[in-house]
Protein backbone atom coordinates (compact mmCIF):
# COMPACT_ATOMS: atom_id res chain seq x y z
CA MET A 1 7.87 17.73 -12.75
CA ASP A 2 10.55 20.08 -11.69
CA THR A 3 7.90 23.24 -12.69
CA ILE A 4 5.46 21.20 -10.43
CA GLN A 5 7.42 21.75 -7.21
CA GLU A 6 9.20 24.69 -8.03
CA GLN A 7 5.73 26.10 -7.48
CA ARG A 8 4.63 24.78 -4.18
CA PRO A 9 5.73 25.86 -1.66
CA THR A 10 7.92 24.12 1.21
CA GLN A 11 6.78 24.06 4.95
CA ALA A 12 10.01 27.32 5.47
CA GLN A 13 8.49 29.61 2.98
CA ALA A 14 4.90 28.21 3.81
CA THR A 15 5.98 29.85 7.44
CA PRO A 16 8.32 32.40 7.84
CA GLU A 17 8.01 32.69 11.18
CA LYS A 18 9.49 28.98 11.84
CA GLN A 19 12.27 29.86 8.14
CA SER A 20 14.93 29.43 10.96
CA GLU A 21 14.05 25.49 12.58
CA ILE A 22 12.80 23.58 9.07
CA LYS A 23 15.49 23.75 6.14
CA PRO A 24 14.23 22.64 2.86
CA PRO A 25 16.88 19.92 1.57
CA SER A 26 19.83 21.52 0.37
CA LYS A 27 20.98 21.58 -3.56
CA GLU A 28 24.18 19.60 -2.31
CA GLN A 29 26.60 17.59 -4.39
CA GLN A 30 24.84 13.85 -4.21
CA PRO A 31 27.92 11.25 -3.22
CA GLN A 32 29.83 9.47 -6.23
CA THR A 33 31.90 7.23 -4.26
CA ILE A 34 30.92 4.66 -1.62
CA GLU A 35 33.53 7.05 0.66
CA GLU A 36 32.07 10.04 0.24
CA ILE A 37 28.47 7.96 1.46
CA PHE A 38 30.43 6.47 4.15
CA VAL A 39 31.30 10.38 5.24
CA ARG A 40 28.23 12.04 5.10
CA ILE A 41 26.78 9.11 7.13
CA ALA A 42 29.52 9.68 9.23
CA ASN A 43 28.44 13.52 9.66
CA ASP A 44 24.59 13.27 10.48
CA PHE A 45 25.30 10.89 13.75
CA GLN A 46 28.33 12.81 14.02
CA ASP A 47 26.82 13.88 17.89
CA VAL A 48 26.32 10.60 18.71
CA PRO A 49 29.99 9.93 20.76
CA PRO A 50 29.04 5.78 21.71
CA LEU A 51 28.49 5.33 17.99
CA HIS A 52 32.01 6.50 17.05
CA SER A 53 33.47 5.01 19.54
CA LEU A 54 31.93 1.43 18.70
CA ALA A 55 33.04 2.24 15.40
CA LYS A 56 36.94 2.68 16.47
CA LYS A 57 36.81 -0.90 18.31
CA LEU A 58 35.60 -2.49 15.80
CA ASN A 59 37.82 -0.58 13.24
CA VAL A 60 35.42 0.48 10.94
CA HIS A 61 34.03 3.46 9.31
CA PRO A 62 30.93 4.61 11.45
CA GLY A 63 28.68 5.34 8.27
CA GLN A 64 29.51 1.73 7.60
CA LEU A 65 28.52 0.91 11.17
CA VAL A 66 25.26 3.11 10.83
CA LEU A 67 24.59 1.17 7.55
CA VAL A 68 25.13 -2.32 8.91
CA ILE A 69 22.97 -1.50 11.73
CA ILE A 70 19.90 -0.90 9.51
CA MET A 71 21.04 -2.97 7.30
CA VAL A 72 20.70 -5.87 10.14
CA ALA A 73 17.59 -4.06 11.65
CA PHE A 74 15.74 -4.32 8.45
CA ALA A 75 16.81 -7.75 7.30
CA LEU A 76 15.63 -9.00 10.60
CA THR A 77 12.55 -7.09 10.54
CA VAL A 78 11.92 -8.70 6.77
CA VAL A 79 12.73 -12.14 7.81
CA GLY A 80 10.05 -11.62 11.16
CA GLU A 81 12.56 -12.79 13.71
CA GLY A 82 13.83 -9.86 15.96
CA ASN A 83 10.88 -7.43 14.86
CA ILE A 84 10.15 -6.46 19.02
CA LEU A 85 14.12 -6.53 19.68
CA VAL A 86 14.96 -4.17 16.24
CA ARG A 87 11.75 -1.95 17.30
CA ILE A 88 13.24 -1.84 20.87
CA LEU A 89 16.29 -0.73 19.68
CA ILE A 90 15.90 2.33 16.96
CA GLY A 91 12.51 3.10 18.39
CA ILE A 92 12.81 4.08 22.01
CA LEU A 93 16.80 2.82 23.06
CA TYR A 94 18.77 5.62 20.66
CA PRO A 95 15.47 8.37 20.61
CA ALA A 96 15.85 8.38 24.18
CA TYR A 97 19.50 8.40 24.69
CA MET A 98 19.56 11.12 22.06
CA SER A 99 16.23 12.55 23.70
CA ALA A 100 18.62 12.87 26.95
CA GLN A 101 21.74 14.42 25.54
CA ALA A 102 19.24 17.42 23.80
CA ILE A 103 18.47 18.09 27.31
CA LYS A 104 21.27 17.67 29.11
CA HIS A 105 23.09 19.73 26.90
CA LYS A 106 20.16 22.60 25.99
CA GLN A 107 20.04 21.98 22.68
CA GLU A 108 16.00 23.45 22.17
CA ASP A 109 16.24 22.58 18.58
CA LYS A 110 17.05 19.10 19.12
CA ALA A 111 14.32 18.53 22.57
CA LYS A 112 12.41 19.83 20.10
CA LEU A 113 12.76 17.36 17.81
CA TRP A 114 12.40 14.37 20.12
CA LEU A 115 9.37 15.98 21.99
CA SER A 116 7.80 15.66 18.18
CA TYR A 117 9.13 12.32 17.80
CA TRP A 118 7.77 11.51 21.47
CA MET A 119 4.14 12.53 20.52
CA LEU A 120 4.33 10.66 16.51
CA ILE A 121 5.03 7.54 18.09
CA LEU A 122 2.96 7.40 21.07
CA SER A 123 0.19 8.73 18.45
CA SER A 124 0.88 5.88 15.84
CA SER A 125 1.18 3.34 19.19
CA LEU A 126 -2.28 4.07 19.21
CA ILE A 127 -3.84 4.28 15.72
CA ASP A 128 -1.74 1.34 15.42
CA ARG A 129 -4.50 -0.67 18.64
CA LEU A 130 -7.49 0.53 17.12
CA VAL A 131 -6.68 -0.61 13.44
CA TRP A 132 -4.82 -3.74 13.54
CA PHE A 133 -7.75 -6.22 12.83
CA PHE A 134 -7.75 -4.40 9.55
CA LEU A 135 -3.37 -4.22 9.00
CA HIS A 136 -3.07 -7.62 10.41
CA ASP A 137 -2.85 -9.23 6.49
CA LEU A 138 -0.35 -6.52 5.73
CA GLN A 139 2.06 -8.13 8.49
CA PRO A 140 5.02 -9.25 5.95
CA LEU A 141 5.12 -5.25 5.11
CA TYR A 142 4.36 -3.31 7.56
CA TYR A 143 7.28 -3.57 9.98
CA PRO A 144 9.64 -2.88 7.73
CA VAL A 145 7.47 0.47 7.09
CA LYS A 146 7.30 1.12 10.13
CA ASN A 147 11.00 0.44 10.94
CA MET A 148 11.75 2.95 7.90
CA PHE A 149 8.73 5.70 8.93
CA THR A 150 10.43 5.54 12.53
CA ILE A 151 13.86 5.69 11.66
CA TRP A 152 12.35 9.07 8.53
CA LEU A 153 11.29 10.84 11.81
CA TYR A 154 14.41 11.67 13.86
CA TYR A 155 17.01 11.02 10.63
CA PRO A 156 19.72 14.15 10.92
CA ARG A 157 18.83 14.76 6.82
CA THR A 158 15.03 14.92 7.53
CA ARG A 159 14.29 15.12 10.75
CA GLY A 160 10.40 13.90 9.51
CA ALA A 161 9.03 14.13 13.21
CA LEU A 162 9.59 17.84 12.76
CA ILE A 163 8.00 18.39 9.58
CA VAL A 164 4.90 16.14 10.50
CA GLN A 165 4.49 18.20 13.35
CA ASP A 166 4.60 21.10 11.61
CA TYR A 167 2.33 20.02 9.17
CA LEU A 168 -0.77 18.67 12.26
CA THR A 169 -0.37 21.95 13.88
CA SER A 170 -1.16 24.14 10.98
CA LYS A 171 -4.01 21.93 9.97
CA PHE A 172 -5.36 22.29 13.57
CA ILE A 173 -4.77 25.65 14.07
CA MET A 174 -6.97 26.29 10.35
CA MET A 175 -8.88 24.12 11.93
CA GLY A 176 -9.38 25.90 14.83
CA ILE A 177 -8.25 22.73 17.51
CA LEU A 178 -5.31 25.26 18.27
CA ASP A 179 -4.47 28.72 19.12
CA LYS A 180 -1.13 30.12 17.60
CA ALA A 181 1.34 30.73 20.09
CA LYS A 182 1.98 34.39 20.21
CA LYS A 183 5.38 35.79 19.88
CA GLU A 184 6.64 37.40 23.22
């Protein structure tokens, strides 16, 4: 299995001009203790001051707070109660706050992530409307999977929105739908 992964080029290797934007997963050491996991999660969300101030007020580790929020959101979604609340919190409010922060602080790489996120969320909403008739039988699994996908799109370690956006852009360029961007 490892030899297959080594032979397959990563997105960064496939397009040399984008190596600075998307980095392949690092080979860093996996956390061994629960405290190391909390520290890693807190570091992932270090640019979210409201999270850290809330954790300080509650006297808990920011990593613990993030995990509790994700677990409560997942539990509410699985039980079927609170789907709309969870979607608003993790799919709209947090991304809107982070988008505004990226623009306010002129962080071009984060602004690109959030623009990609919003484009994908709007596209998936459109697709939802078109294929809901076929998916309504999967409702018990649909919302938890959709929420996990939403988090994957913007989670700092995965930055899935950029991966999907770069993949789709390269496919659209190959199909002739988009023109390749010219370097300035």
